C-alpha cells in the first residue's frame, strides 16, 4: 500500500513539474517575443503576413483581414495587459505549492530549473 501511495505521489509531482515547465516555457517565450518586438503584444502586420503565406490570401481578403485586425487591436492589447497579472499570480502560487512538496535537495534544483526557464519567477 505504501508503494502505491509513493508511486502516486511521484506521478503527481512529475505531472505538476511538467505543468509548471509548460507554463514557465509559455510565459518565458511570450516575454522573449514581446520584448523582441517594438510593437504591441499582437503585431497585426506580422499576423497578417503569416496568414497571407499560410492561407494564400488574395488582396481583397488581405485588406478585409487587415481592417478586422485594426478594429480589434486595442481591445486585444487591453485584454492581454489586464490578464497578465492574474497569470503571473497563478504561476507564482503553482510554483510555490510545488516547492512545498519537494525535499530540500530537490527544491534547490527546482528553483534553478524555474530560474532558467523563467528568470525572475522564483518559487
PDB file of N, CA and C in Angstrom:
ATOM      1  N   UNK A   1       0.819  -1.186   0.000  1.00  0.00           N
ATOM      2  CA  UNK A   1       0.000   0.000   0.000  1.00  0.00           C
ATOM      3  C   UNK A   1       0.869   1.259   0.000  1.00  0.00           C
ATOM      4  N   UNK A   2       1.982   1.203   0.735  1.00  0.00           N
ATOM      5  CA  UNK A   2       2.884   2.336   0.819  1.00  0.00           C
ATOM      6  C   UNK A   2       3.509   2.645  -0.552  1.00  0.00           C
ATOM      7  N   UNK A   3       3.850   1.589  -1.310  1.00  0.00           N
ATOM      8  CA  UNK A   3       4.472   1.799  -2.614  1.00  0.00           C
ATOM      9  C   UNK A   3       3.483   2.402  -3.609  1.00  0.00           C
ATOM     10  N   UNK A   4       2.211   2.096  -3.466  1.00  0.00           N
ATOM     11  CA  UNK A   4       1.200   2.680  -4.347  1.00  0.00           C
ATOM     12  C   UNK A   4       1.089   4.174  -4.080  1.00  0.00           C
ATOM     13  N   UNK A   5       1.064   4.558  -2.803  1.00  0.00           N
ATOM     14  CA  UNK A   5       0.996   5.974  -2.455  1.00  0.00           C
ATOM     15  C   UNK A   5       2.255   6.694  -2.924  1.00  0.00           C
ATOM     16  N   UNK A   6       3.400   6.050  -2.751  1.00  0.00           N
ATOM     17  CA  UNK A   6       4.660   6.647  -3.171  1.00  0.00           C
ATOM     18  C   UNK A   6       4.681   6.837  -4.694  1.00  0.00           C
ATOM     19  N   UNK A   7       4.239   5.837  -5.421  1.00  0.00           N
ATOM     20  CA  UNK A   7       4.197   5.921  -6.879  1.00  0.00           C
ATOM     21  C   UNK A   7       3.216   7.004  -7.321  1.00  0.00           C
ATOM     22  N   UNK A   8       2.086   7.095  -6.631  1.00  0.00           N
ATOM     23  CA  UNK A   8       1.102   8.111  -6.959  1.00  0.00           C
ATOM     24  C   UNK A   8       1.675   9.503  -6.715  1.00  0.00           C
ATOM     25  N   UNK A   9       2.348   9.666  -5.596  1.00  0.00           N
ATOM     26  CA  UNK A   9       2.946  10.957  -5.266  1.00  0.00           C
ATOM     27  C   UNK A   9       4.018  11.336  -6.284  1.00  0.00           C
ATOM     28  N   UNK A  10       4.856  10.383  -6.649  1.00  0.00           N
ATOM     29  CA  UNK A  10       5.877  10.653  -7.675  1.00  0.00           C
ATOM     30  C   UNK A  10       5.235  11.070  -8.986  1.00  0.00           C
ATOM     31  N   UNK A  11       4.178  10.362  -9.360  1.00  0.00           N
ATOM     32  CA  UNK A  11       3.470  10.690 -10.596  1.00  0.00           C
ATOM     33  C   UNK A  11       2.852  12.078 -10.535  1.00  0.00           C
ATOM     34  N   UNK A  12       2.275  12.412  -9.385  1.00  0.00           N
ATOM     35  CA  UNK A  12       1.672  13.731  -9.221  1.00  0.00           C
ATOM     36  C   UNK A  12       2.730  14.824  -9.291  1.00  0.00           C
ATOM     37  N   UNK A  13       3.885  14.594  -8.684  1.00  0.00           N
ATOM     38  CA  UNK A  13       4.968  15.585  -8.719  1.00  0.00           C
ATOM     39  C   UNK A  13       5.483  15.745 -10.143  1.00  0.00           C
ATOM     40  N   UNK A  14       5.654  14.655 -10.857  1.00  0.00           N
ATOM     41  CA  UNK A  14       6.122  14.722 -12.243  1.00  0.00           C
ATOM     42  C   UNK A  14       5.106  15.476 -13.101  1.00  0.00           C
ATOM     43  N   UNK A  15       3.832  15.186 -12.889  1.00  0.00           N
ATOM     44  CA  UNK A  15       2.789  15.889 -13.630  1.00  0.00           C
ATOM     45  C   UNK A  15       2.812  17.380 -13.304  1.00  0.00           C
ATOM     46  N   UNK A  16       2.943  17.720 -12.034  1.00  0.00           N
ATOM     47  CA  UNK A  16       2.986  19.124 -11.632  1.00  0.00           C
ATOM     48  C   UNK A  16       4.212  19.832 -12.212  1.00  0.00           C
ATOM     49  N   UNK A  17       5.361  19.157 -12.190  1.00  0.00           N
ATOM     50  CA  UNK A  17       6.570  19.743 -12.772  1.00  0.00           C
ATOM     51  C   UNK A  17       6.419  19.955 -14.276  1.00  0.00           C
ATOM     52  N   UNK A  18       5.789  18.995 -14.935  1.00  0.00           N
ATOM     53  CA  UNK A  18       5.556  19.119 -16.370  1.00  0.00           C
ATOM     54  C   UNK A  18       4.645  20.308 -16.653  1.00  0.00           C
ATOM     55  N   UNK A  19       3.594  20.422 -15.851  1.00  0.00           N
ATOM     56  CA  UNK A  19       2.681  21.555 -15.994  1.00  0.00           C
ATOM     57  C   UNK A  19       3.425  22.872 -15.762  1.00  0.00           C
ATOM     58  N   UNK A  20       4.182  22.935 -14.672  1.00  0.00           N
ATOM     59  CA  UNK A  20       4.915  24.159 -14.347  1.00  0.00           C
ATOM     60  C   UNK A  20       5.920  24.502 -15.444  1.00  0.00           C
ATOM     61  N   UNK A  21       6.579  23.474 -15.969  1.00  0.00           N
ATOM     62  CA  UNK A  21       7.544  23.720 -17.045  1.00  0.00           C
ATOM     63  C   UNK A  21       6.840  24.274 -18.276  1.00  0.00           C
ATOM     64  N   UNK A  22       5.684  23.724 -18.592  1.00  0.00           N
ATOM     65  CA  UNK A  22       4.920  24.226 -19.735  1.00  0.00           C
ATOM     66  C   UNK A  22       4.498  25.669 -19.550  1.00  0.00           C
ATOM     67  N   UNK A  23       4.011  25.976 -18.354  1.00  0.00           N
ATOM     68  CA  UNK A  23       3.617  27.347 -18.059  1.00  0.00           C
ATOM     69  C   UNK A  23       4.824  28.269 -18.133  1.00  0.00           C
ATOM     70  N   UNK A  24       5.919  27.841 -17.497  1.00  0.00           N
ATOM     71  CA  UNK A  24       7.123  28.667 -17.489  1.00  0.00           C
ATOM     72  C   UNK A  24       7.651  28.883 -18.907  1.00  0.00           C
ATOM     73  N   UNK A  25       7.655  27.831 -19.711  1.00  0.00           N
ATOM     74  CA  UNK A  25       8.105  27.968 -21.095  1.00  0.00           C
ATOM     75  C   UNK A  25       7.207  28.912 -21.882  1.00  0.00           C
ATOM     76  N   UNK A  26       5.914  28.751 -21.709  1.00  0.00           N
ATOM     77  CA  UNK A  26       4.972  29.605 -22.431  1.00  0.00           C
ATOM     78  C   UNK A  26       5.126  31.069 -22.081  1.00  0.00           C
ATOM     79  N   UNK A  27       5.189  31.347 -20.799  1.00  0.00           N
ATOM     80  CA  UNK A  27       5.334  32.743 -20.371  1.00  0.00           C
ATOM     81  C   UNK A  27       6.711  33.271 -20.743  1.00  0.00           C
ATOM     82  N   UNK A  28       7.733  32.456 -20.568  1.00  0.00           N
ATOM     83  CA  UNK A  28       9.081  32.880 -20.940  1.00  0.00           C
ATOM     84  C   UNK A  28       9.180  33.182 -22.420  1.00  0.00           C
ATOM     85  N   UNK A  29       8.594  32.325 -23.221  1.00  0.00           N
ATOM     86  CA  UNK A  29       8.605  32.557 -24.672  1.00  0.00           C
ATOM     87  C   UNK A  29       7.850  33.841 -25.011  1.00  0.00           C
ATOM     88  N   UNK A  30       6.686  34.011 -24.399  1.00  0.00           N
ATOM     89  CA  UNK A  30       5.897  35.202 -24.664  1.00  0.00           C
ATOM     90  C   UNK A  30       6.665  36.460 -24.281  1.00  0.00           C
ATOM     91  N   UNK A  31       7.320  36.436 -23.123  1.00  0.00           N
ATOM     92  CA  UNK A  31       8.100  37.604 -22.709  1.00  0.00           C
ATOM     93  C   UNK A  31       9.260  37.855 -23.667  1.00  0.00           C
ATOM     94  N   UNK A  32       9.897  36.785 -24.109  1.00  0.00           N
ATOM     95  CA  UNK A  32      11.003  36.927 -25.053  1.00  0.00           C
ATOM     96  C   UNK A  32      10.515  37.542 -26.360  1.00  0.00           C
ATOM     97  N   UNK A  33       9.425  37.018 -26.873  1.00  0.00           N
ATOM     98  CA  UNK A  33       8.875  37.521 -28.132  1.00  0.00           C
ATOM     99  C   UNK A  33       8.379  38.946 -27.947  1.00  0.00           C
ATOM    100  N   UNK A  34       7.705  39.226 -26.836  1.00  0.00           N
ATOM    101  CA  UNK A  34       7.185  40.570 -26.592  1.00  0.00           C
ATOM    102  C   UNK A  34       8.318  41.587 -26.464  1.00  0.00           C
ATOM    103  N   UNK A  35       9.394  41.208 -25.780  1.00  0.00           N
ATOM    104  CA  UNK A  35      10.492  42.150 -25.607  1.00  0.00           C
ATOM    105  C   UNK A  35      11.288  42.318 -26.898  1.00  0.00           C
ATOM    106  N   UNK A  36      11.243  41.328 -27.776  1.00  0.00           N
ATOM    107  CA  UNK A  36      11.997  41.401 -29.019  1.00  0.00           C
ATOM    108  C   UNK A  36      11.340  42.315 -30.035  1.00  0.00           C
ATOM    109  N   UNK A  37      10.038  42.515 -29.915  1.00  0.00           N
ATOM    110  CA  UNK A  37       9.368  43.393 -30.860  1.00  0.00           C
ATOM    111  C   UNK A  37       9.097  44.746 -30.236  1.00  0.00           C
ATOM    112  N   UNK A  38       9.020  45.713 -31.084  1.00  0.00           N
ATOM    113  CA  UNK A  38       8.794  47.059 -30.590  1.00  0.00           C
ATOM    114  C   UNK A  38       7.316  47.399 -30.555  1.00  0.00           C
ATOM    115  N   UNK A  39       6.492  46.590 -31.168  1.00  0.00           N
ATOM    116  CA  UNK A  39       5.071  46.884 -31.250  1.00  0.00           C
ATOM    117  C   UNK A  39       4.284  46.314 -30.090  1.00  0.00           C
ATOM    118  N   UNK A  40       2.978  46.350 -30.215  1.00  0.00           N
ATOM    119  CA  UNK A  40       2.095  45.851 -29.165  1.00  0.00           C
ATOM    120  C   UNK A  40       2.169  44.333 -29.045  1.00  0.00           C
ATOM    121  N   UNK A  41       1.526  43.742 -27.983  1.00  0.00           N
ATOM    122  CA  UNK A  41       1.591  42.291 -27.796  1.00  0.00           C
ATOM    123  C   UNK A  41       1.207  41.477 -29.035  1.00  0.00           C
ATOM    124  N   UNK A  42       0.201  41.917 -29.788  1.00  0.00           N
ATOM    125  CA  UNK A  42      -0.159  41.214 -31.021  1.00  0.00           C
ATOM    126  C   UNK A  42       0.169  42.139 -32.178  1.00  0.00           C
ATOM    127  N   UNK A  43       1.192  41.839 -32.923  1.00  0.00           N
ATOM    128  CA  UNK A  43       1.598  42.659 -34.051  1.00  0.00           C
ATOM    129  C   UNK A  43       0.762  42.248 -35.264  1.00  0.00           C
ATOM    130  N   UNK A  44      -0.220  43.057 -35.596  1.00  0.00           N
ATOM    131  CA  UNK A  44      -1.162  42.729 -36.659  1.00  0.00           C
ATOM    132  C   UNK A  44      -0.474  42.524 -38.004  1.00  0.00           C
ATOM    133  N   UNK A  45       0.561  43.311 -38.276  1.00  0.00           N
ATOM    134  CA  UNK A  45       1.254  43.181 -39.560  1.00  0.00           C
ATOM    135  C   UNK A  45       1.910  41.807 -39.690  1.00  0.00           C
ATOM    136  N   UNK A  46       2.511  41.348 -38.590  1.00  0.00           N
ATOM    137  CA  UNK A  46       3.144  40.012 -38.638  1.00  0.00           C
ATOM    138  C   UNK A  46       2.105  38.902 -38.758  1.00  0.00           C
ATOM    139  N   UNK A  47       0.998  39.058 -38.040  1.00  0.00           N
ATOM    140  CA  UNK A  47      -0.078  38.065 -38.128  1.00  0.00           C
ATOM    141  C   UNK A  47      -0.588  38.005 -39.567  1.00  0.00           C
ATOM    142  N   UNK A  48      -0.853  39.159 -40.134  1.00  0.00           N
ATOM    143  CA  UNK A  48      -1.374  39.201 -41.496  1.00  0.00           C
ATOM    144  C   UNK A  48      -0.368  38.624 -42.497  1.00  0.00           C
ATOM    145  N   UNK A  49       0.891  38.962 -42.355  1.00  0.00           N
ATOM    146  CA  UNK A  49       1.911  38.423 -43.263  1.00  0.00           C
ATOM    147  C   UNK A  49       1.964  36.902 -43.185  1.00  0.00           C
ATOM    148  N   UNK A  50       1.888  36.377 -41.959  1.00  0.00           N
ATOM    149  CA  UNK A  50       1.900  34.929 -41.793  1.00  0.00           C
ATOM    150  C   UNK A  50       0.645  34.302 -42.412  1.00  0.00           C
ATOM    151  N   UNK A  51      -0.496  34.939 -42.209  1.00  0.00           N
ATOM    152  CA  UNK A  51      -1.742  34.414 -42.780  1.00  0.00           C
ATOM    153  C   UNK A  51      -1.715  34.427 -44.303  1.00  0.00           C
ATOM    154  N   UNK A  52      -1.104  35.465 -44.889  1.00  0.00           N
ATOM    155  CA  UNK A  52      -1.015  35.536 -46.353  1.00  0.00           C
ATOM    156  C   UNK A  52      -0.280  34.327 -46.904  1.00  0.00           C
ATOM    157  N   UNK A  53       0.834  33.995 -46.265  1.00  0.00           N
ATOM    158  CA  UNK A  53       1.636  32.865 -46.726  1.00  0.00           C
ATOM    159  C   UNK A  53       0.917  31.548 -46.431  1.00  0.00           C
ATOM    160  N   UNK A  54       0.450  31.405 -45.212  1.00  0.00           N
ATOM    161  CA  UNK A  54      -0.175  30.150 -44.780  1.00  0.00           C
ATOM    162  C   UNK A  54      -1.454  29.842 -45.547  1.00  0.00           C
ATOM    163  N   UNK A  55      -2.285  30.866 -45.740  1.00  0.00           N
ATOM    164  CA  UNK A  55      -3.604  30.641 -46.336  1.00  0.00           C
ATOM    165  C   UNK A  55      -3.699  31.031 -47.801  1.00  0.00           C
ATOM    166  N   UNK A  56      -2.670  31.692 -48.318  1.00  0.00           N
ATOM    167  CA  UNK A  56      -2.710  32.125 -49.711  1.00  0.00           C
ATOM    168  C   UNK A  56      -3.802  33.170 -49.942  1.00  0.00           C
ATOM    169  N   UNK A  57      -3.867  34.174 -49.066  1.00  0.00           N
ATOM    170  CA  UNK A  57      -4.906  35.196 -49.180  1.00  0.00           C
ATOM    171  C   UNK A  57      -4.721  36.039 -50.432  1.00  0.00           C
ATOM    172  N   UNK A  58      -5.849  36.415 -51.039  1.00  0.00           N
ATOM    173  CA  UNK A  58      -5.767  37.358 -52.159  1.00  0.00           C
ATOM    174  C   UNK A  58      -5.807  38.775 -51.589  1.00  0.00           C
ATOM    175  N   UNK A  59      -5.673  39.772 -52.454  1.00  0.00           N
ATOM    176  CA  UNK A  59      -5.577  41.162 -51.986  1.00  0.00           C
ATOM    177  C   UNK A  59      -6.862  41.644 -51.299  1.00  0.00           C
ATOM    178  N   UNK A  60      -8.020  41.198 -51.749  1.00  0.00           N
ATOM    179  CA  UNK A  60      -9.288  41.597 -51.128  1.00  0.00           C
ATOM    180  C   UNK A  60      -9.381  41.001 -49.722  1.00  0.00           C
ATOM    181  N   UNK A  61      -9.025  39.731 -49.594  1.00  0.00           N
ATOM    182  CA  UNK A  61      -9.044  39.092 -48.282  1.00  0.00           C
ATOM    183  C   UNK A  61      -8.039  39.755 -47.341  1.00  0.00           C
ATOM    184  N   UNK A  62      -6.857  40.031 -47.848  1.00  0.00           N
ATOM    185  CA  UNK A  62      -5.834  40.675 -47.020  1.00  0.00           C
ATOM    186  C   UNK A  62      -6.306  42.022 -46.496  1.00  0.00           C
ATOM    187  N   UNK A  63      -6.908  42.813 -47.366  1.00  0.00           N
ATOM    188  CA  UNK A  63      -7.400  44.130 -46.950  1.00  0.00           C
ATOM    189  C   UNK A  63      -8.511  43.991 -45.906  1.00  0.00           C
ATOM    190  N   UNK A  64      -9.411  43.058 -46.114  1.00  0.00           N
ATOM    191  CA  UNK A  64     -10.512  42.856 -45.169  1.00  0.00           C
ATOM    192  C   UNK A  64      -9.984  42.410 -43.804  1.00  0.00           C
ATOM    193  N   UNK A  65      -9.044  41.474 -43.808  1.00  0.00           N
ATOM    194  CA  UNK A  65      -8.480  40.979 -42.549  1.00  0.00           C
ATOM    195  C   UNK A  65      -7.667  42.069 -41.866  1.00  0.00           C
ATOM    196  N   UNK A  66      -6.942  42.859 -42.625  1.00  0.00           N
ATOM    197  CA  UNK A  66      -6.188  43.971 -42.050  1.00  0.00           C
ATOM    198  C   UNK A  66      -7.125  44.942 -41.324  1.00  0.00           C
ATOM    199  N   UNK A  67      -8.267  45.235 -41.933  1.00  0.00           N
ATOM    200  CA  UNK A  67      -9.258  46.112 -41.294  1.00  0.00           C
ATOM    201  C   UNK A  67      -9.840  45.487 -40.032  1.00  0.00           C
ATOM    202  N   UNK A  68     -10.115  44.197 -40.077  1.00  0.00           N
ATOM    203  CA  UNK A  68     -10.642  43.495 -38.900  1.00  0.00           C
ATOM    204  C   UNK A  68      -9.643  43.554 -37.753  1.00  0.00           C
ATOM    205  N   UNK A  69      -8.390  43.242 -38.048  1.00  0.00           N
ATOM    206  CA  UNK A  69      -7.351  43.275 -37.008  1.00  0.00           C
ATOM    207  C   UNK A  69      -7.180  44.685 -36.446  1.00  0.00           C
ATOM    208  N   UNK A  70      -7.216  45.683 -37.305  1.00  0.00           N
ATOM    209  CA  UNK A  70      -7.058  47.068 -36.847  1.00  0.00           C
ATOM    210  C   UNK A  70      -8.203  47.471 -35.922  1.00  0.00           C
ATOM    211  N   UNK A  71      -9.435  47.070 -36.250  1.00  0.00           N
ATOM    212  CA  UNK A  71     -10.584  47.409 -35.407  1.00  0.00           C
ATOM    213  C   UNK A  71     -10.498  46.780 -34.025  1.00  0.00           C
ATOM    214  N   UNK A  72      -9.908  45.588 -33.932  1.00  0.00           N
ATOM    215  CA  UNK A  72      -9.891  44.848 -32.667  1.00  0.00           C
ATOM    216  C   UNK A  72      -8.586  44.975 -31.888  1.00  0.00           C
ATOM    217  N   UNK A  73      -7.565  45.576 -32.476  1.00  0.00           N
ATOM    218  CA  UNK A  73      -6.231  45.601 -31.872  1.00  0.00           C
ATOM    219  C   UNK A  73      -6.224  46.194 -30.462  1.00  0.00           C
ATOM    220  N   UNK A  74      -6.817  47.332 -30.271  1.00  0.00           N
ATOM    221  CA  UNK A  74      -6.794  47.996 -28.963  1.00  0.00           C
ATOM    222  C   UNK A  74      -7.453  47.120 -27.891  1.00  0.00           C
ATOM    223  N   UNK A  75      -8.576  46.496 -28.211  1.00  0.00           N
ATOM    224  CA  UNK A  75      -9.273  45.646 -27.240  1.00  0.00           C
ATOM    225  C   UNK A  75      -8.448  44.403 -26.903  1.00  0.00           C
ATOM    226  N   UNK A  76      -7.810  43.823 -27.907  1.00  0.00           N
ATOM    227  CA  UNK A  76      -6.973  42.640 -27.668  1.00  0.00           C
ATOM    228  C   UNK A  76      -5.788  42.999 -26.774  1.00  0.00           C
ATOM    229  N   UNK A  77      -5.113  44.101 -27.082  1.00  0.00           N
ATOM    230  CA  UNK A  77      -3.970  44.530 -26.276  1.00  0.00           C
ATOM    231  C   UNK A  77      -4.389  44.827 -24.838  1.00  0.00           C
ATOM    232  N   UNK A  78      -5.514  45.499 -24.679  1.00  0.00           N
ATOM    233  CA  UNK A  78      -6.009  45.838 -23.345  1.00  0.00           C
ATOM    234  C   UNK A  78      -6.335  44.573 -22.552  1.00  0.00           C
ATOM    235  N   UNK A  79      -6.979  43.620 -23.190  1.00  0.00           N
ATOM    236  CA  UNK A  79      -7.322  42.355 -22.519  1.00  0.00           C
ATOM    237  C   UNK A  79      -6.061  41.617 -22.082  1.00  0.00           C
ATOM    238  N   UNK A  80      -5.054  41.600 -22.941  1.00  0.00           N
ATOM    239  CA  UNK A  80      -3.812  40.901 -22.603  1.00  0.00           C
ATOM    240  C   UNK A  80      -3.123  41.553 -21.408  1.00  0.00           C
ATOM    241  N   UNK A  81      -3.054  42.882 -21.416  1.00  0.00           N
ATOM    242  CA  UNK A  81      -2.428  43.585 -20.289  1.00  0.00           C
ATOM    243  C   UNK A  81      -3.194  43.347 -18.990  1.00  0.00           C
ATOM    244  N   UNK A  82      -4.504  43.293 -19.061  1.00  0.00           N
ATOM    245  CA  UNK A  82      -5.327  43.054 -17.869  1.00  0.00           C
ATOM    246  C   UNK A  82      -5.156  41.625 -17.353  1.00  0.00           C
ATOM    247  N   UNK A  83      -4.914  40.691 -18.236  1.00  0.00           N
ATOM    248  CA  UNK A  83      -4.821  39.277 -17.873  1.00  0.00           C
ATOM    249  C   UNK A  83      -3.452  38.898 -17.304  1.00  0.00           C
ATOM    250  N   UNK A  84      -2.382  39.565 -17.711  1.00  0.00           N
ATOM    251  CA  UNK A  84      -1.026  39.176 -17.318  1.00  0.00           C
ATOM    252  C   UNK A  84      -0.803  39.097 -15.805  1.00  0.00           C
ATOM    253  N   UNK A  85      -1.266  40.060 -14.999  1.00  0.00           N
ATOM    254  CA  UNK A  85      -1.026  39.934 -13.554  1.00  0.00           C
ATOM    255  C   UNK A  85      -1.665  38.682 -12.951  1.00  0.00           C
ATOM    256  N   UNK A  86      -2.842  38.323 -13.429  1.00  0.00           N
ATOM    257  CA  UNK A  86      -3.505  37.114 -12.935  1.00  0.00           C
ATOM    258  C   UNK A  86      -2.748  35.852 -13.307  1.00  0.00           C
ATOM    259  N   UNK A  87      -2.237  35.812 -14.519  1.00  0.00           N
ATOM    260  CA  UNK A  87      -1.453  34.656 -14.958  1.00  0.00           C
ATOM    261  C   UNK A  87      -0.193  34.539 -14.102  1.00  0.00           C
ATOM    262  N   UNK A  88       0.465  35.643 -13.875  1.00  0.00           N
ATOM    263  CA  UNK A  88       1.682  35.625 -13.057  1.00  0.00           C
ATOM    264  C   UNK A  88       1.372  35.180 -11.632  1.00  0.00           C
ATOM    265  N   UNK A  89       0.285  35.690 -11.044  1.00  0.00           N
ATOM    266  CA  UNK A  89      -0.090  35.297  -9.681  1.00  0.00           C
ATOM    267  C   UNK A  89      -0.391  33.796  -9.610  1.00  0.00           C
ATOM    268  N   UNK A  90      -1.061  33.265 -10.611  1.00  0.00           N
ATOM    269  CA  UNK A  90      -1.354  31.835 -10.634  1.00  0.00           C
ATOM    270  C   UNK A  90      -0.094  31.002 -10.798  1.00  0.00           C
ATOM    271  N   UNK A  91       0.822  31.488 -11.624  1.00  0.00           N
ATOM    272  CA  UNK A  91       2.096  30.773 -11.769  1.00  0.00           C
ATOM    273  C   UNK A  91       2.861  30.786 -10.451  1.00  0.00           C
ATOM    274  N   UNK A  92       2.904  31.955  -9.798  1.00  0.00           N
ATOM    275  CA  UNK A  92       3.596  32.064  -8.506  1.00  0.00           C
ATOM    276  C   UNK A  92       3.054  31.052  -7.514  1.00  0.00           C
ATOM    277  N   UNK A  93       1.732  31.010  -7.373  1.00  0.00           N
ATOM    278  CA  UNK A  93       1.160  30.091  -6.380  1.00  0.00           C
ATOM    279  C   UNK A  93       1.392  28.632  -6.769  1.00  0.00           C
ATOM    280  N   UNK A  94       1.327  28.333  -8.051  1.00  0.00           N
ATOM    281  CA  UNK A  94       1.583  26.959  -8.509  1.00  0.00           C
ATOM    282  C   UNK A  94       3.016  26.541  -8.183  1.00  0.00           C
ATOM    283  N   UNK A  95       3.968  27.415  -8.502  1.00  0.00           N
ATOM    284  CA  UNK A  95       5.371  27.088  -8.253  1.00  0.00           C
ATOM    285  C   UNK A  95       5.668  26.990  -6.760  1.00  0.00           C
ATOM    286  N   UNK A  96       5.048  27.834  -5.963  1.00  0.00           N
ATOM    287  CA  UNK A  96       5.249  27.767  -4.504  1.00  0.00           C
ATOM    288  C   UNK A  96       4.683  26.472  -3.932  1.00  0.00           C
ATOM    289  N   UNK A  97       3.519  26.063  -4.410  1.00  0.00           N
ATOM    290  CA  UNK A  97       2.926  24.798  -3.936  1.00  0.00           C
ATOM    291  C   UNK A  97       3.797  23.611  -4.321  1.00  0.00           C
ATOM    292  N   UNK A  98       4.333  23.637  -5.527  1.00  0.00           N
ATOM    293  CA  UNK A  98       5.227  22.549  -5.948  1.00  0.00           C
ATOM    294  C   UNK A  98       6.461  22.544  -5.056  1.00  0.00           C
ATOM    295  N   UNK A  99       7.041  23.724  -4.824  1.00  0.00           N
ATOM    296  CA  UNK A  99       8.216  23.827  -3.969  1.00  0.00           C
ATOM    297  C   UNK A  99       7.976  23.289  -2.571  1.00  0.00           C
ATOM    298  N   UNK A 100       6.744  23.427  -2.081  1.00  0.00           N
ATOM    299  CA  UNK A 100       6.411  22.976  -0.731  1.00  0.00           C
ATOM    300  C   UNK A 100       6.415  21.453  -0.586  1.00  0.00           C
ATOM    301  N   UNK A 101       6.241  20.711  -1.658  1.00  0.00           N
ATOM    302  CA  UNK A 101       6.219  19.251  -1.559  1.00  0.00           C
ATOM    303  C   UNK A 101       7.586  18.628  -1.841  1.00  0.00           C
ATOM    304  N   UNK A 102       8.554  19.437  -2.195  1.00  0.00           N
ATOM    305  CA  UNK A 102       9.877  18.920  -2.527  1.00  0.00           C
ATOM    306  C   UNK A 102      10.783  18.865  -1.307  1.00  0.00           C
ATOM    307  N   UNK A 103      11.697  17.913  -1.350  1.00  0.00           N
ATOM    308  CA  UNK A 103      12.744  17.848  -0.320  1.00  0.00           C
ATOM    309  C   UNK A 103      13.714  19.007  -0.550  1.00  0.00           C
ATOM    310  N   UNK A 104      14.507  19.372   0.458  1.00  0.00           N
ATOM    311  CA  UNK A 104      15.445  20.491   0.289  1.00  0.00           C
ATOM    312  C   UNK A 104      16.389  20.317  -0.899  1.00  0.00           C
ATOM    313  N   UNK A 105      16.893  19.106  -1.123  1.00  0.00           N
ATOM    314  CA  UNK A 105      17.798  18.907  -2.268  1.00  0.00           C
ATOM    315  C   UNK A 105      17.065  19.069  -3.595  1.00  0.00           C
ATOM    316  N   UNK A 106      15.793  18.726  -3.631  1.00  0.00           N
ATOM    317  CA  UNK A 106      15.008  18.905  -4.845  1.00  0.00           C
ATOM    318  C   UNK A 106      14.610  20.367  -5.033  1.00  0.00           C
ATOM    319  N   UNK A 107      14.334  21.045  -3.925  1.00  0.00           N
ATOM    320  CA  UNK A 107      13.863  22.430  -4.008  1.00  0.00           C
ATOM    321  C   UNK A 107      14.908  23.333  -4.662  1.00  0.00           C
ATOM    322  N   UNK A 108      16.181  23.135  -4.328  1.00  0.00           N
ATOM    323  CA  UNK A 108      17.233  23.934  -4.950  1.00  0.00           C
ATOM    324  C   UNK A 108      17.307  23.696  -6.440  1.00  0.00           C
ATOM    325  N   UNK A 109      17.213  22.451  -6.857  1.00  0.00           N
ATOM    326  CA  UNK A 109      17.234  22.120  -8.286  1.00  0.00           C
ATOM    327  C   UNK A 109      16.014  22.711  -8.989  1.00  0.00           C
ATOM    328  N   UNK A 110      14.870  22.649  -8.290  1.00  0.00           N
ATOM    329  CA  UNK A 110      13.639  23.184  -8.864  1.00  0.00           C
ATOM    330  C   UNK A 110      13.746  24.700  -9.049  1.00  0.00           C
ATOM    331  N   UNK A 111      14.289  25.407  -8.055  1.00  0.00           N
ATOM    332  CA  UNK A 111      14.472  26.857  -8.174  1.00  0.00           C
ATOM    333  C   UNK A 111      15.383  27.181  -9.363  1.00  0.00           C
ATOM    334  N   UNK A 112      16.456  26.416  -9.517  1.00  0.00           N
ATOM    335  CA  UNK A 112      17.357  26.625 -10.665  1.00  0.00           C
ATOM    336  C   UNK A 112      16.632  26.373 -11.977  1.00  0.00           C
ATOM    337  N   UNK A 113      15.853  25.310 -12.005  1.00  0.00           N
ATOM    338  CA  UNK A 113      15.075  24.952 -13.190  1.00  0.00           C
ATOM    339  C   UNK A 113      14.127  26.092 -13.565  1.00  0.00           C
ATOM    340  N   UNK A 114      13.394  26.602 -12.570  1.00  0.00           N
ATOM    341  CA  UNK A 114      12.450  27.692 -12.825  1.00  0.00           C
ATOM    342  C   UNK A 114      13.199  28.947 -13.270  1.00  0.00           C
ATOM    343  N   UNK A 115      14.317  29.225 -12.631  1.00  0.00           N
ATOM    344  CA  UNK A 115      15.090  30.418 -12.993  1.00  0.00           C
ATOM    345  C   UNK A 115      15.579  30.346 -14.442  1.00  0.00           C
ATOM    346  N   UNK A 116      16.008  29.183 -14.880  1.00  0.00           N
ATOM    347  CA  UNK A 116      16.473  29.032 -16.259  1.00  0.00           C
ATOM    348  C   UNK A 116      15.305  29.185 -17.228  1.00  0.00           C
ATOM    349  N   UNK A 117      14.183  28.546 -16.886  1.00  0.00           N
ATOM    350  CA  UNK A 117      13.036  28.566 -17.766  1.00  0.00           C
ATOM    351  C   UNK A 117      12.310  29.923 -17.769  1.00  0.00           C
ATOM    352  N   UNK A 118      12.349  30.592 -16.608  1.00  0.00           N
ATOM    353  CA  UNK A 118      11.614  31.852 -16.486  1.00  0.00           C
ATOM    354  C   UNK A 118      12.293  32.754 -15.476  1.00  0.00           C
ATOM    355  N   UNK A 119      13.326  33.466 -15.893  1.00  0.00           N
ATOM    356  CA  UNK A 119      14.060  34.341 -14.974  1.00  0.00           C
ATOM    357  C   UNK A 119      13.116  35.319 -14.269  1.00  0.00           C
ATOM    358  N   UNK A 120      13.367  35.500 -12.985  1.00  0.00           N
ATOM    359  CA  UNK A 120      12.555  36.423 -12.202  1.00  0.00           C
ATOM    360  C   UNK A 120      11.374  35.780 -11.517  1.00  0.00           C
ATOM    361  N   UNK A 121      11.072  34.548 -11.851  1.00  0.00           N
ATOM    362  CA  UNK A 121       9.953  33.844 -11.238  1.00  0.00           C
ATOM    363  C   UNK A 121      10.521  32.812 -10.282  1.00  0.00           C
ATOM    364  N   UNK A 122      10.525  33.106  -9.011  1.00  0.00           N
ATOM    365  CA  UNK A 122      11.076  32.187  -8.031  1.00  0.00           C
ATOM    366  C   UNK A 122       9.987  31.517  -7.225  1.00  0.00           C
ATOM    367  N   UNK A 123      10.093  30.218  -7.050  1.00  0.00           N
ATOM    368  CA  UNK A 123       9.078  29.511  -6.242  1.00  0.00           C
ATOM    369  C   UNK A 123       9.297  29.756  -4.751  1.00  0.00           C
TER     370      UNK A 123
END
